Amino acid sequence: MNKQEGTEQQADGGRQGSVGVMLRQLRQEKGVSLRDVAEATNISTSNLVAIEHEQYADLPSNTFVRGQVAIYANFLGIDGAEAARRFIAERESQERSRPKKSARESGGMSAKKLAEPAQLSAATLAGGVLLLIILFIAGFSLYTGWNPLSFLMPHEQRPAAQIEASPEIQQHIPTGN
């Protein structure tokens, strides 16, 4: 068994150390720089350093990190899915063991919180769209003078204004007889 096969076997579960340390050691054994890994995998150097040094607070949400660790491990020739699973488990176990701080104490929101989109329910989204439609119709009606409820009002067929001629003018108007 050569050195690379032994390293692959260690990465698949035979190793006691953390995934970040294992990835750093494997990268150094292969003689690859962080810049080379960053260029080949399109993972930022800051994220690679955070992964290798287990700086979990400096990393984005688990969804992104899972993919980045898998890509990094596959690049180094080991099972990326297993490495990502172990890395996320290590991250979650450390977060559970660490006491919680409020956002004010920690200096604001973490990168993990910022990377996750806000959750809107379907009912809230539908209500917002309906409100926008109503506001658009109201604005259009006010701007154009159109009354969208005019079909509910009774219509009389009479002229808007009735003009009667004065008696002097009526003398000059021929009658229908």
N, C-alpha and C. Protein backbone atom coordinates (compact mmCIF):
# COMPACT_ATOMS: atom_id res chain seq x y z
N MET A 1 0.85 -1.17 0.00
CA MET A 1 0.00 0.00 0.00
C MET A 1 0.90 1.23 0.00
N ASN A 2 0.66 2.15 -0.99
CA ASN A 2 1.49 3.35 -1.05
C ASN A 2 0.92 4.44 -0.16
N LYS A 3 1.59 5.58 -0.15
CA LYS A 3 1.24 6.67 0.76
C LYS A 3 -0.15 7.24 0.45
N GLN A 4 -0.49 7.39 -0.84
CA GLN A 4 -1.77 7.96 -1.23
C GLN A 4 -2.92 7.04 -0.81
N GLU A 5 -2.78 5.73 -1.01
CA GLU A 5 -3.83 4.79 -0.60
C GLU A 5 -4.04 4.83 0.90
N GLY A 6 -2.96 4.98 1.66
CA GLY A 6 -3.08 5.06 3.11
C GLY A 6 -3.81 6.32 3.53
N THR A 7 -3.55 7.41 2.81
CA THR A 7 -4.23 8.67 3.12
C THR A 7 -5.71 8.57 2.80
N GLU A 8 -6.04 7.93 1.67
CA GLU A 8 -7.45 7.76 1.31
C GLU A 8 -8.17 6.89 2.34
N GLN A 9 -7.50 5.87 2.83
CA GLN A 9 -8.10 5.00 3.82
C GLN A 9 -8.33 5.78 5.12
N GLN A 10 -7.40 6.64 5.49
CA GLN A 10 -7.57 7.44 6.70
C GLN A 10 -8.74 8.40 6.53
N ALA A 11 -8.91 8.98 5.35
CA ALA A 11 -9.97 9.95 5.12
C ALA A 11 -11.34 9.29 5.18
N ASP A 12 -11.42 8.02 4.87
CA ASP A 12 -12.70 7.32 4.87
C ASP A 12 -13.13 6.88 6.25
N GLY A 13 -12.42 7.21 7.27
CA GLY A 13 -12.88 6.89 8.62
C GLY A 13 -11.82 6.29 9.50
N GLY A 14 -10.68 5.94 8.98
CA GLY A 14 -9.65 5.34 9.81
C GLY A 14 -8.86 6.38 10.58
N ARG A 15 -9.15 7.67 10.37
CA ARG A 15 -8.38 8.74 10.98
C ARG A 15 -9.14 9.31 12.17
N GLN A 16 -8.43 9.63 13.23
CA GLN A 16 -9.03 10.15 14.45
C GLN A 16 -9.17 11.67 14.42
N GLY A 17 -8.32 12.39 13.65
CA GLY A 17 -8.31 13.86 13.66
C GLY A 17 -9.51 14.45 12.96
N SER A 18 -9.57 15.78 12.99
CA SER A 18 -10.68 16.48 12.35
C SER A 18 -10.49 16.52 10.84
N VAL A 19 -11.58 16.78 10.15
CA VAL A 19 -11.55 16.81 8.70
C VAL A 19 -10.69 17.97 8.21
N GLY A 20 -10.81 19.13 8.84
CA GLY A 20 -10.02 20.29 8.42
C GLY A 20 -8.53 20.03 8.49
N VAL A 21 -8.07 19.45 9.62
CA VAL A 21 -6.65 19.15 9.79
C VAL A 21 -6.22 18.11 8.76
N MET A 22 -7.07 17.10 8.54
CA MET A 22 -6.74 16.05 7.58
C MET A 22 -6.60 16.62 6.17
N LEU A 23 -7.52 17.53 5.78
CA LEU A 23 -7.44 18.13 4.45
C LEU A 23 -6.17 18.98 4.31
N ARG A 24 -5.82 19.72 5.35
CA ARG A 24 -4.61 20.54 5.29
C ARG A 24 -3.37 19.66 5.14
N GLN A 25 -3.30 18.58 5.96
CA GLN A 25 -2.14 17.68 5.88
C GLN A 25 -2.05 17.02 4.51
N LEU A 26 -3.18 16.59 3.98
CA LEU A 26 -3.19 15.93 2.67
C LEU A 26 -2.76 16.91 1.57
N ARG A 27 -3.24 18.14 1.65
CA ARG A 27 -2.85 19.17 0.67
C ARG A 27 -1.35 19.43 0.74
N GLN A 28 -0.81 19.53 1.96
CA GLN A 28 0.61 19.79 2.12
C GLN A 28 1.44 18.61 1.65
N GLU A 29 0.96 17.38 1.90
CA GLU A 29 1.69 16.19 1.43
C GLU A 29 1.76 16.16 -0.09
N LYS A 30 0.70 16.63 -0.75
CA LYS A 30 0.66 16.63 -2.22
C LYS A 30 1.42 17.84 -2.79
N GLY A 31 1.82 18.78 -1.91
CA GLY A 31 2.56 19.94 -2.36
C GLY A 31 1.72 20.95 -3.13
N VAL A 32 0.46 21.06 -2.79
CA VAL A 32 -0.45 21.97 -3.47
C VAL A 32 -0.67 23.18 -2.57
N SER A 33 -0.61 24.38 -3.13
CA SER A 33 -0.83 25.60 -2.34
C SER A 33 -2.32 25.91 -2.25
N LEU A 34 -2.67 26.74 -1.29
CA LEU A 34 -4.07 27.16 -1.15
C LEU A 34 -4.54 27.91 -2.40
N ARG A 35 -3.65 28.69 -2.97
CA ARG A 35 -4.00 29.43 -4.19
C ARG A 35 -4.33 28.47 -5.33
N ASP A 36 -3.54 27.38 -5.46
CA ASP A 36 -3.81 26.39 -6.50
C ASP A 36 -5.17 25.72 -6.28
N VAL A 37 -5.46 25.39 -5.02
CA VAL A 37 -6.75 24.76 -4.71
C VAL A 37 -7.88 25.74 -5.02
N ALA A 38 -7.72 27.00 -4.63
CA ALA A 38 -8.75 28.00 -4.86
C ALA A 38 -9.03 28.18 -6.35
N GLU A 39 -7.97 28.21 -7.16
CA GLU A 39 -8.16 28.36 -8.60
C GLU A 39 -8.81 27.14 -9.23
N ALA A 40 -8.45 25.95 -8.77
CA ALA A 40 -8.98 24.72 -9.36
C ALA A 40 -10.41 24.43 -8.93
N THR A 41 -10.78 24.84 -7.73
CA THR A 41 -12.10 24.49 -7.19
C THR A 41 -13.08 25.65 -7.14
N ASN A 42 -12.63 26.87 -7.39
CA ASN A 42 -13.45 28.08 -7.28
C ASN A 42 -13.99 28.27 -5.87
N ILE A 43 -13.24 27.84 -4.87
CA ILE A 43 -13.56 28.09 -3.47
C ILE A 43 -12.63 29.20 -3.01
N SER A 44 -13.16 30.19 -2.32
CA SER A 44 -12.32 31.32 -1.90
C SER A 44 -11.24 30.84 -0.93
N THR A 45 -10.11 31.52 -0.97
CA THR A 45 -8.99 31.18 -0.10
C THR A 45 -9.39 31.35 1.37
N SER A 46 -10.19 32.37 1.66
CA SER A 46 -10.61 32.58 3.05
C SER A 46 -11.45 31.40 3.55
N ASN A 47 -12.30 30.85 2.69
CA ASN A 47 -13.09 29.68 3.10
C ASN A 47 -12.20 28.44 3.25
N LEU A 48 -11.22 28.29 2.38
CA LEU A 48 -10.30 27.14 2.51
C LEU A 48 -9.53 27.21 3.82
N VAL A 49 -9.06 28.41 4.17
CA VAL A 49 -8.33 28.58 5.44
C VAL A 49 -9.26 28.28 6.61
N ALA A 50 -10.49 28.78 6.55
CA ALA A 50 -11.45 28.54 7.64
C ALA A 50 -11.77 27.05 7.76
N ILE A 51 -11.87 26.35 6.65
CA ILE A 51 -12.13 24.90 6.69
C ILE A 51 -10.94 24.18 7.33
N GLU A 52 -9.74 24.49 6.88
CA GLU A 52 -8.55 23.81 7.39
C GLU A 52 -8.30 24.11 8.87
N HIS A 53 -8.62 25.30 9.31
CA HIS A 53 -8.34 25.69 10.70
C HIS A 53 -9.58 25.61 11.59
N GLU A 54 -10.64 25.03 11.07
CA GLU A 54 -11.88 24.79 11.82
C GLU A 54 -12.44 26.08 12.42
N GLN A 55 -12.41 27.13 11.66
CA GLN A 55 -12.98 28.41 12.07
C GLN A 55 -14.42 28.46 11.57
N TYR A 56 -15.28 27.73 12.25
CA TYR A 56 -16.65 27.51 11.79
C TYR A 56 -17.45 28.81 11.68
N ALA A 57 -17.20 29.77 12.55
CA ALA A 57 -17.96 31.02 12.53
C ALA A 57 -17.65 31.85 11.29
N ASP A 58 -16.50 31.62 10.67
CA ASP A 58 -16.11 32.38 9.48
C ASP A 58 -16.66 31.76 8.19
N LEU A 59 -17.37 30.66 8.30
CA LEU A 59 -17.88 29.95 7.12
C LEU A 59 -19.35 30.27 6.90
N PRO A 60 -19.82 30.15 5.65
CA PRO A 60 -21.24 30.35 5.38
C PRO A 60 -22.08 29.19 5.91
N SER A 61 -23.34 29.13 5.53
CA SER A 61 -24.25 28.12 6.05
C SER A 61 -23.80 26.71 5.64
N ASN A 62 -24.36 25.72 6.34
CA ASN A 62 -23.98 24.33 6.11
C ASN A 62 -24.18 23.88 4.68
N THR A 63 -25.18 24.40 4.00
CA THR A 63 -25.44 24.00 2.62
C THR A 63 -24.24 24.33 1.74
N PHE A 64 -23.71 25.53 1.87
CA PHE A 64 -22.56 25.94 1.07
C PHE A 64 -21.30 25.19 1.51
N VAL A 65 -21.10 25.07 2.80
CA VAL A 65 -19.88 24.43 3.32
C VAL A 65 -19.84 22.97 2.92
N ARG A 66 -21.00 22.29 2.96
CA ARG A 66 -21.04 20.88 2.57
C ARG A 66 -20.51 20.71 1.15
N GLY A 67 -20.96 21.55 0.26
CA GLY A 67 -20.49 21.48 -1.13
C GLY A 67 -19.03 21.82 -1.26
N GLN A 68 -18.58 22.84 -0.54
CA GLN A 68 -17.18 23.25 -0.65
C GLN A 68 -16.24 22.19 -0.10
N VAL A 69 -16.59 21.59 1.03
CA VAL A 69 -15.73 20.53 1.60
C VAL A 69 -15.70 19.32 0.67
N ALA A 70 -16.85 18.98 0.09
CA ALA A 70 -16.89 17.84 -0.83
C ALA A 70 -16.02 18.10 -2.06
N ILE A 71 -16.10 19.30 -2.61
CA ILE A 71 -15.28 19.64 -3.79
C ILE A 71 -13.80 19.62 -3.42
N TYR A 72 -13.47 20.18 -2.27
CA TYR A 72 -12.08 20.23 -1.81
C TYR A 72 -11.54 18.82 -1.60
N ALA A 73 -12.30 17.96 -0.93
CA ALA A 73 -11.85 16.59 -0.67
C ALA A 73 -11.72 15.80 -1.96
N ASN A 74 -12.68 15.95 -2.87
CA ASN A 74 -12.59 15.26 -4.16
C ASN A 74 -11.36 15.73 -4.94
N PHE A 75 -11.05 17.01 -4.86
CA PHE A 75 -9.86 17.54 -5.52
C PHE A 75 -8.59 16.88 -4.99
N LEU A 76 -8.58 16.61 -3.67
CA LEU A 76 -7.41 15.97 -3.06
C LEU A 76 -7.42 14.45 -3.22
N GLY A 77 -8.48 13.91 -3.83
CA GLY A 77 -8.51 12.48 -4.13
C GLY A 77 -9.13 11.60 -3.06
N ILE A 78 -9.96 12.17 -2.19
CA ILE A 78 -10.64 11.36 -1.17
C ILE A 78 -12.15 11.52 -1.34
N ASP A 79 -12.91 10.72 -0.62
CA ASP A 79 -14.37 10.73 -0.72
C ASP A 79 -14.92 12.05 -0.18
N GLY A 80 -15.42 12.87 -1.08
CA GLY A 80 -15.92 14.19 -0.71
C GLY A 80 -17.19 14.14 0.12
N ALA A 81 -18.09 13.24 -0.21
CA ALA A 81 -19.36 13.16 0.52
C ALA A 81 -19.11 12.78 1.99
N GLU A 82 -18.23 11.83 2.22
CA GLU A 82 -17.94 11.40 3.59
C GLU A 82 -17.21 12.51 4.35
N ALA A 83 -16.27 13.17 3.70
CA ALA A 83 -15.55 14.26 4.36
C ALA A 83 -16.51 15.39 4.72
N ALA A 84 -17.43 15.72 3.81
CA ALA A 84 -18.40 16.78 4.08
C ALA A 84 -19.32 16.40 5.23
N ARG A 85 -19.78 15.15 5.25
CA ARG A 85 -20.66 14.69 6.32
C ARG A 85 -19.96 14.80 7.68
N ARG A 86 -18.71 14.37 7.74
CA ARG A 86 -17.95 14.44 9.00
C ARG A 86 -17.68 15.89 9.41
N PHE A 87 -17.37 16.74 8.43
CA PHE A 87 -17.08 18.15 8.74
C PHE A 87 -18.31 18.82 9.33
N ILE A 88 -19.47 18.60 8.73
CA ILE A 88 -20.71 19.21 9.22
C ILE A 88 -21.03 18.67 10.62
N ALA A 89 -20.80 17.38 10.84
CA ALA A 89 -21.04 16.80 12.17
C ALA A 89 -20.11 17.45 13.21
N GLU A 90 -18.85 17.66 12.84
CA GLU A 90 -17.90 18.32 13.76
C GLU A 90 -18.35 19.75 14.04
N ARG A 91 -18.79 20.45 13.01
CA ARG A 91 -19.23 21.83 13.17
C ARG A 91 -20.45 21.91 14.09
N GLU A 92 -21.40 21.03 13.88
CA GLU A 92 -22.61 21.05 14.70
C GLU A 92 -22.32 20.66 16.15
N SER A 93 -21.41 19.71 16.35
CA SER A 93 -21.09 19.32 17.73
C SER A 93 -20.38 20.45 18.46
N GLN A 94 -19.53 21.20 17.76
CA GLN A 94 -18.87 22.33 18.40
C GLN A 94 -19.88 23.44 18.70
N GLU A 95 -20.83 23.68 17.80
CA GLU A 95 -21.82 24.72 18.03
C GLU A 95 -22.74 24.37 19.20
N ARG A 96 -23.02 23.08 19.39
CA ARG A 96 -23.86 22.66 20.52
C ARG A 96 -23.12 22.82 21.84
N SER A 97 -21.82 22.59 21.83
CA SER A 97 -21.05 22.66 23.07
C SER A 97 -20.70 24.09 23.47
N ARG A 98 -20.77 25.01 22.53
CA ARG A 98 -20.44 26.41 22.80
C ARG A 98 -21.67 27.13 23.35
N PRO A 99 -21.51 27.96 24.39
CA PRO A 99 -22.66 28.70 24.91
C PRO A 99 -23.16 29.71 23.88
N LYS A 100 -24.47 29.88 23.85
CA LYS A 100 -25.09 30.80 22.89
C LYS A 100 -24.87 32.24 23.34
N LYS A 101 -24.59 33.11 22.37
CA LYS A 101 -24.45 34.54 22.62
C LYS A 101 -25.57 35.24 21.87
N SER A 102 -26.00 36.35 22.41
CA SER A 102 -27.00 37.13 21.69
C SER A 102 -26.32 37.84 20.52
N ALA A 103 -27.13 38.33 19.58
CA ALA A 103 -26.57 39.03 18.41
C ALA A 103 -25.81 40.27 18.85
N ARG A 104 -26.27 40.91 19.91
CA ARG A 104 -25.60 42.12 20.39
C ARG A 104 -24.23 41.78 20.97
N GLU A 105 -24.15 40.67 21.72
CA GLU A 105 -22.87 40.28 22.33
C GLU A 105 -21.87 39.81 21.29
N SER A 106 -22.34 39.15 20.27
CA SER A 106 -21.42 38.60 19.27
C SER A 106 -21.02 39.62 18.22
N GLY A 107 -21.58 40.82 18.30
CA GLY A 107 -21.16 41.86 17.36
C GLY A 107 -21.97 41.83 16.08
N GLY A 108 -23.15 41.28 16.07
CA GLY A 108 -24.00 41.26 14.89
C GLY A 108 -24.28 39.85 14.43
N MET A 109 -24.80 39.77 13.25
CA MET A 109 -25.16 38.46 12.71
C MET A 109 -23.92 37.79 12.12
N SER A 110 -23.88 36.48 12.24
CA SER A 110 -22.75 35.73 11.69
C SER A 110 -22.93 35.56 10.19
N ALA A 111 -21.87 35.16 9.53
CA ALA A 111 -21.93 34.92 8.09
C ALA A 111 -22.91 33.81 7.78
N LYS A 112 -23.03 32.85 8.68
CA LYS A 112 -23.97 31.75 8.47
C LYS A 112 -25.40 32.28 8.40
N LYS A 113 -25.75 33.18 9.31
CA LYS A 113 -27.11 33.74 9.33
C LYS A 113 -27.36 34.60 8.10
N LEU A 114 -26.36 35.34 7.65
CA LEU A 114 -26.54 36.21 6.51
C LEU A 114 -26.67 35.43 5.21
N ALA A 115 -26.13 34.24 5.13
CA ALA A 115 -26.16 33.47 3.90
C ALA A 115 -27.49 32.76 3.70
N GLU A 116 -28.31 32.67 4.73
CA GLU A 116 -29.58 31.97 4.62
C GLU A 116 -30.68 32.96 4.29
N PRO A 117 -31.50 32.65 3.28
CA PRO A 117 -32.56 33.58 2.90
C PRO A 117 -33.68 33.62 3.93
N ALA A 118 -34.39 34.73 3.97
CA ALA A 118 -35.53 34.85 4.87
C ALA A 118 -36.64 33.91 4.42
N GLN A 119 -37.35 33.37 5.37
CA GLN A 119 -38.42 32.43 5.06
C GLN A 119 -39.76 33.16 5.03
N LEU A 120 -40.43 33.16 3.89
CA LEU A 120 -41.75 33.74 3.74
C LEU A 120 -42.74 32.63 3.44
N SER A 121 -43.85 32.62 4.13
CA SER A 121 -44.85 31.59 3.87
C SER A 121 -45.57 31.91 2.56
N ALA A 122 -46.20 30.92 1.99
CA ALA A 122 -46.93 31.10 0.73
C ALA A 122 -48.10 32.06 0.93
N ALA A 123 -48.75 32.00 2.09
CA ALA A 123 -49.88 32.89 2.37
C ALA A 123 -49.42 34.34 2.45
N THR A 124 -48.28 34.59 3.06
CA THR A 124 -47.75 35.95 3.14
C THR A 124 -47.40 36.48 1.75
N LEU A 125 -46.79 35.65 0.95
CA LEU A 125 -46.43 36.03 -0.41
C LEU A 125 -47.67 36.32 -1.24
N ALA A 126 -48.70 35.46 -1.15
CA ALA A 126 -49.93 35.65 -1.91
C ALA A 126 -50.64 36.93 -1.45
N GLY A 127 -50.67 37.17 -0.14
CA GLY A 127 -51.28 38.40 0.38
C GLY A 127 -50.56 39.64 -0.12
N GLY A 128 -49.25 39.60 -0.16
CA GLY A 128 -48.47 40.73 -0.66
C GLY A 128 -48.74 41.00 -2.13
N VAL A 129 -48.83 39.96 -2.94
CA VAL A 129 -49.11 40.11 -4.37
C VAL A 129 -50.51 40.69 -4.56
N LEU A 130 -51.50 40.19 -3.81
CA LEU A 130 -52.87 40.69 -3.90
C LEU A 130 -52.92 42.18 -3.52
N LEU A 131 -52.22 42.55 -2.47
CA LEU A 131 -52.18 43.96 -2.05
C LEU A 131 -51.57 44.83 -3.15
N LEU A 132 -50.52 44.37 -3.79
CA LEU A 132 -49.92 45.13 -4.89
C LEU A 132 -50.88 45.30 -6.06
N ILE A 133 -51.64 44.26 -6.37
CA ILE A 133 -52.61 44.35 -7.47
C ILE A 133 -53.69 45.37 -7.14
N ILE A 134 -54.21 45.32 -5.91
CA ILE A 134 -55.24 46.27 -5.49
C ILE A 134 -54.71 47.70 -5.53
N LEU A 135 -53.50 47.91 -5.03
CA LEU A 135 -52.91 49.25 -5.06
C LEU A 135 -52.70 49.74 -6.50
N PHE A 136 -52.32 48.86 -7.40
CA PHE A 136 -52.13 49.24 -8.79
C PHE A 136 -53.46 49.67 -9.41
N ILE A 137 -54.53 48.89 -9.20
CA ILE A 137 -55.84 49.23 -9.76
C ILE A 137 -56.34 50.55 -9.18
N ALA A 138 -56.17 50.74 -7.86
CA ALA A 138 -56.60 51.99 -7.24
C ALA A 138 -55.83 53.18 -7.81
N GLY A 139 -54.53 53.05 -7.95
CA GLY A 139 -53.73 54.12 -8.52
C GLY A 139 -54.11 54.42 -9.96
N PHE A 140 -54.34 53.40 -10.75
CA PHE A 140 -54.74 53.57 -12.14
C PHE A 140 -56.09 54.26 -12.21
N SER A 141 -57.03 53.87 -11.35
CA SER A 141 -58.36 54.48 -11.33
C SER A 141 -58.29 55.95 -10.97
N LEU A 142 -57.51 56.29 -9.98
CA LEU A 142 -57.37 57.69 -9.59
C LEU A 142 -56.70 58.51 -10.69
N TYR A 143 -55.72 57.96 -11.34
CA TYR A 143 -54.98 58.68 -12.36
C TYR A 143 -55.84 58.94 -13.60
N THR A 144 -56.61 57.94 -14.03
CA THR A 144 -57.38 58.05 -15.26
C THR A 144 -58.80 58.53 -15.04
N GLY A 145 -59.28 58.53 -13.81
CA GLY A 145 -60.66 58.91 -13.54
C GLY A 145 -61.64 57.79 -13.82
N TRP A 146 -61.16 56.62 -14.01
CA TRP A 146 -62.00 55.45 -14.30
C TRP A 146 -62.58 54.90 -13.00
N ASN A 147 -63.86 54.57 -13.03
CA ASN A 147 -64.50 54.00 -11.86
C ASN A 147 -64.73 52.52 -12.13
N PRO A 148 -63.94 51.64 -11.51
CA PRO A 148 -64.08 50.21 -11.80
C PRO A 148 -65.39 49.62 -11.28
N LEU A 149 -66.11 50.33 -10.43
CA LEU A 149 -67.38 49.83 -9.89
C LEU A 149 -68.58 50.46 -10.59
N SER A 150 -68.37 51.13 -11.71
CA SER A 150 -69.47 51.81 -12.40
C SER A 150 -70.51 50.83 -12.91
N PHE A 151 -70.17 49.60 -13.16
CA PHE A 151 -71.14 48.62 -13.64
C PHE A 151 -72.18 48.29 -12.58
N LEU A 152 -71.93 48.62 -11.33
CA LEU A 152 -72.90 48.35 -10.27
C LEU A 152 -73.93 49.47 -10.13
N MET A 153 -73.67 50.61 -10.69
CA MET A 153 -74.56 51.76 -10.57
C MET A 153 -75.55 51.78 -11.72
N PRO A 154 -76.82 52.19 -11.45
CA PRO A 154 -77.82 52.22 -12.54
C PRO A 154 -77.47 53.34 -13.53
N HIS A 155 -77.72 53.04 -14.81
CA HIS A 155 -77.46 54.02 -15.87
C HIS A 155 -78.78 54.50 -16.42
N GLU A 156 -78.93 55.79 -16.53
CA GLU A 156 -80.11 56.37 -17.16
C GLU A 156 -79.69 56.90 -18.52
N GLN A 157 -80.56 56.74 -19.48
CA GLN A 157 -80.27 57.19 -20.84
C GLN A 157 -80.85 58.59 -21.06
N ARG A 158 -80.30 59.55 -20.45
CA ARG A 158 -80.73 60.93 -20.68
C ARG A 158 -79.47 61.76 -20.91
N PRO A 159 -79.64 62.86 -21.59
CA PRO A 159 -78.47 63.69 -21.87
C PRO A 159 -77.89 64.25 -20.58
N ALA A 160 -76.65 64.54 -20.63
CA ALA A 160 -75.97 65.08 -19.47
C ALA A 160 -76.52 66.45 -19.10
N ALA A 161 -76.93 67.26 -20.09
CA ALA A 161 -77.50 68.58 -19.82
C ALA A 161 -78.61 68.84 -20.84
N GLN A 162 -79.67 69.47 -20.40
CA GLN A 162 -80.78 69.76 -21.31
C GLN A 162 -80.86 71.28 -21.44
N ILE A 163 -80.83 71.71 -22.68
CA ILE A 163 -80.84 73.14 -22.94
C ILE A 163 -82.21 73.49 -23.54
N GLU A 164 -82.82 74.50 -22.99
CA GLU A 164 -84.09 74.98 -23.55
C GLU A 164 -83.82 76.33 -24.21
N ALA A 165 -84.45 76.48 -25.33
CA ALA A 165 -84.30 77.74 -26.06
C ALA A 165 -85.22 78.79 -25.46
N SER A 166 -84.77 80.02 -25.59
CA SER A 166 -85.58 81.12 -25.07
C SER A 166 -86.82 81.29 -25.97
N PRO A 167 -87.87 81.96 -25.46
CA PRO A 167 -89.09 82.11 -26.28
C PRO A 167 -88.84 82.85 -27.59
N GLU A 168 -87.91 83.77 -27.64
CA GLU A 168 -87.64 84.48 -28.89
C GLU A 168 -87.06 83.54 -29.93
N ILE A 169 -86.22 82.63 -29.49
CA ILE A 169 -85.60 81.70 -30.43
C ILE A 169 -86.60 80.62 -30.82
N GLN A 170 -87.47 80.24 -29.93
CA GLN A 170 -88.44 79.17 -30.23
C GLN A 170 -89.37 79.60 -31.35
N GLN A 171 -89.63 80.90 -31.56
CA GLN A 171 -90.48 81.38 -32.63
C GLN A 171 -89.86 81.05 -33.98
N HIS A 172 -88.58 81.01 -34.06
CA HIS A 172 -87.88 80.78 -35.33
C HIS A 172 -87.61 79.31 -35.61
N ILE A 173 -87.88 78.45 -34.65
CA ILE A 173 -87.64 77.02 -34.85
C ILE A 173 -88.91 76.41 -35.43
N PRO A 174 -88.77 75.76 -36.57
CA PRO A 174 -89.97 75.16 -37.16
C PRO A 174 -90.42 73.96 -36.32
N THR A 175 -91.69 73.80 -36.23
CA THR A 175 -92.24 72.67 -35.50
C THR A 175 -92.42 71.52 -36.47
N GLY A 176 -92.56 70.34 -35.92
CA GLY A 176 -92.67 69.15 -36.74
C GLY A 176 -94.04 69.01 -37.40
N ASN A 177 -95.05 69.89 -37.18
CA ASN A 177 -96.39 69.76 -37.76
C ASN A 177 -96.48 70.38 -39.08
